[in-house]
Amino acid sequence: MALGCFVVPNEPIDRNRPLTDFAVPIEDVERRSGLQLFRRRININDIPFLCNQTSCELTGRDAMSRETLEQIDYSRKVRRCKTLDQLQKLWMEVENKQYKKIDKWLNAAYTKRLDELNQQATAPINKIDS
């Protein structure tokens, strides 16, 4: 058994950057999150560091491509759009990237947000009588 704790930014990461750059002591994560990740029946200091047991590389067959990571980021941005104009500008940015293929979940996020914003735009406004 080996243990590794990593705090990785919520953004695309250079594939050449080692995972060890994001290693943090488990106590830091527990303290900041307020969670106890392991019962104290085991002494986590006696467990070897994961990256001493494996390569801990961000590359390989399981690593996501930069294009995939960018599209994940775009799907988050799509969900945060407040207006149709914002959404259309963002989608033009996505199209200008000229991805080989726009992933189905990004397309679905766009379609869903487009429907939501169209419904908001056509919803009747209730006037409050004074």
Protein backbone atom coordinates (compact mmCIF):
# COMPACT_ATOMS: atom_id res chain seq x y z
CA MET A 1 0.00 0.00 0.00
CA ALA A 2 1.13 3.54 -0.75
CA LEU A 3 -0.44 6.93 -0.20
CA GLY A 4 -0.32 10.23 -2.08
CA CYS A 5 -2.27 13.41 -1.60
CA PHE A 6 -2.34 16.03 -4.34
CA VAL A 7 -4.00 19.41 -4.78
CA VAL A 8 -4.28 20.05 -8.49
CA PRO A 9 -5.58 23.32 -10.00
CA ASN A 10 -8.93 23.19 -11.73
CA GLU A 11 -7.45 24.09 -15.12
CA PRO A 12 -5.41 22.47 -17.87
CA ILE A 13 -1.98 21.35 -16.69
CA ASP A 14 1.18 21.07 -18.74
CA ARG A 15 1.56 17.34 -19.40
CA ASN A 16 5.30 17.61 -18.79
CA ARG A 17 4.81 18.89 -15.26
CA PRO A 18 5.34 16.15 -12.67
CA LEU A 19 2.46 15.22 -10.40
CA THR A 20 4.82 15.56 -7.46
CA ASP A 21 4.61 19.35 -7.97
CA PHE A 22 1.10 19.09 -6.53
CA ALA A 23 1.89 16.77 -3.61
CA VAL A 24 0.83 18.04 -0.20
CA PRO A 25 0.79 16.45 3.24
CA ILE A 26 -2.53 14.77 3.94
CA GLU A 27 -2.77 16.71 7.19
CA ASP A 28 -2.94 19.97 5.17
CA VAL A 29 -5.91 18.71 3.17
CA GLU A 30 -7.65 17.44 6.30
CA ARG A 31 -7.08 20.72 8.13
CA ARG A 32 -8.23 22.92 5.23
CA SER A 33 -11.24 20.78 4.34
CA GLY A 34 -12.33 19.89 7.85
CA LEU A 35 -12.42 16.23 6.82
CA GLN A 36 -10.68 13.27 8.39
CA LEU A 37 -9.63 11.17 5.42
CA PHE A 38 -8.14 8.27 7.36
CA ARG A 39 -8.98 6.87 10.72
CA ARG A 40 -6.14 7.19 13.10
CA ARG A 41 -5.93 3.41 13.57
CA ILE A 42 -3.20 3.54 10.96
CA ASN A 43 -0.18 5.77 11.17
CA ILE A 44 -0.12 7.51 7.79
CA ASN A 45 3.51 8.46 8.38
CA ASP A 46 4.39 4.74 8.14
CA ILE A 47 2.83 4.40 4.67
CA PRO A 48 5.24 4.98 1.75
CA PHE A 49 4.67 7.96 -0.56
CA LEU A 50 2.78 6.88 -3.68
CA CYS A 51 5.21 8.49 -6.13
CA ASN A 52 8.06 6.48 -4.65
CA GLN A 53 6.13 3.33 -5.61
CA THR A 54 4.80 4.39 -9.06
CA SER A 55 5.79 6.88 -11.74
CA CYS A 56 3.05 9.43 -10.87
CA GLU A 57 3.24 10.80 -14.42
CA LEU A 58 0.53 12.93 -15.98
CA THR A 59 1.22 11.34 -19.36
CA GLY A 60 0.34 7.95 -20.72
CA ARG A 61 -2.79 6.34 -22.06
CA ASP A 62 -4.93 7.54 -19.14
CA ALA A 63 -3.89 11.19 -19.41
CA MET A 64 -6.33 13.63 -20.97
CA SER A 65 -5.29 15.62 -23.98
CA ARG A 66 -5.03 19.40 -23.81
CA GLU A 67 -8.00 19.56 -26.17
CA THR A 68 -10.13 17.48 -23.80
CA LEU A 69 -9.10 19.57 -20.79
CA GLU A 70 -9.93 22.77 -22.67
CA GLN A 71 -13.35 21.43 -23.58
CA ILE A 72 -14.02 20.53 -19.95
CA ASP A 73 -13.16 24.12 -19.06
CA TYR A 74 -15.44 25.43 -21.82
CA SER A 75 -18.34 23.31 -20.54
CA ARG A 76 -17.98 25.03 -17.15
CA LYS A 77 -17.92 28.43 -18.83
CA VAL A 78 -21.03 27.53 -20.85
CA ARG A 79 -22.95 26.71 -17.67
CA ARG A 80 -21.97 30.08 -16.16
CA CYS A 81 -23.20 32.20 -19.08
CA LYS A 82 -25.88 34.63 -17.89
CA THR A 83 -27.12 35.89 -21.28
CA LEU A 84 -27.65 34.57 -24.79
CA ASP A 85 -25.09 37.07 -26.02
CA GLN A 86 -22.46 35.72 -23.61
CA LEU A 87 -23.25 32.17 -24.64
CA GLN A 88 -23.06 32.94 -28.36
CA LYS A 89 -19.71 34.73 -27.97
CA LEU A 90 -18.31 31.82 -25.98
CA TRP A 91 -19.55 29.28 -28.53
CA MET A 92 -17.89 31.27 -31.33
CA GLU A 93 -14.67 31.03 -29.32
CA VAL A 94 -15.13 27.24 -29.08
CA GLU A 95 -15.76 26.99 -32.83
CA ASN A 96 -12.70 29.13 -33.57
CA LYS A 97 -10.55 26.61 -31.70
CA GLN A 98 -11.25 24.22 -34.59
CA TYR A 99 -11.23 21.11 -32.43
CA LYS A 100 -11.12 17.81 -34.31
CA LYS A 101 -14.40 16.99 -32.61
CA ILE A 102 -16.53 18.83 -30.06
CA ASP A 103 -17.25 16.32 -27.32
CA LYS A 104 -20.85 15.31 -26.70
CA TRP A 105 -20.88 16.59 -23.11
CA LEU A 106 -19.74 20.07 -24.21
CA ASN A 107 -22.36 20.05 -26.95
CA ALA A 108 -24.98 18.91 -24.42
CA ALA A 109 -23.99 21.64 -21.94
CA TYR A 110 -24.30 24.24 -24.70
CA THR A 111 -27.68 22.96 -25.90
CA LYS A 112 -29.05 22.82 -22.35
CA ARG A 113 -27.86 26.34 -21.48
CA LEU A 114 -29.16 27.68 -24.80
CA ASP A 115 -32.61 26.21 -24.03
CA GLU A 116 -32.55 27.65 -20.49
CA LEU A 117 -31.59 31.13 -21.66
CA ASN A 118 -34.18 31.04 -24.47
CA GLN A 119 -36.86 30.09 -21.94
CA GLN A 120 -35.80 32.96 -19.69
CA ALA A 121 -35.95 35.37 -22.60
CA THR A 122 -39.51 34.34 -23.53
CA ALA A 123 -40.87 33.97 -19.97
CA PRO A 124 -43.57 36.49 -19.15
CA ILE A 125 -42.60 39.21 -16.70
CA ASN A 126 -45.02 39.58 -13.82
CA LYS A 127 -45.80 43.22 -13.21
CA ILE A 128 -46.34 44.16 -9.60
CA ASP A 129 -49.35 46.40 -9.11
CA SER A 130 -48.71 49.42 -6.93
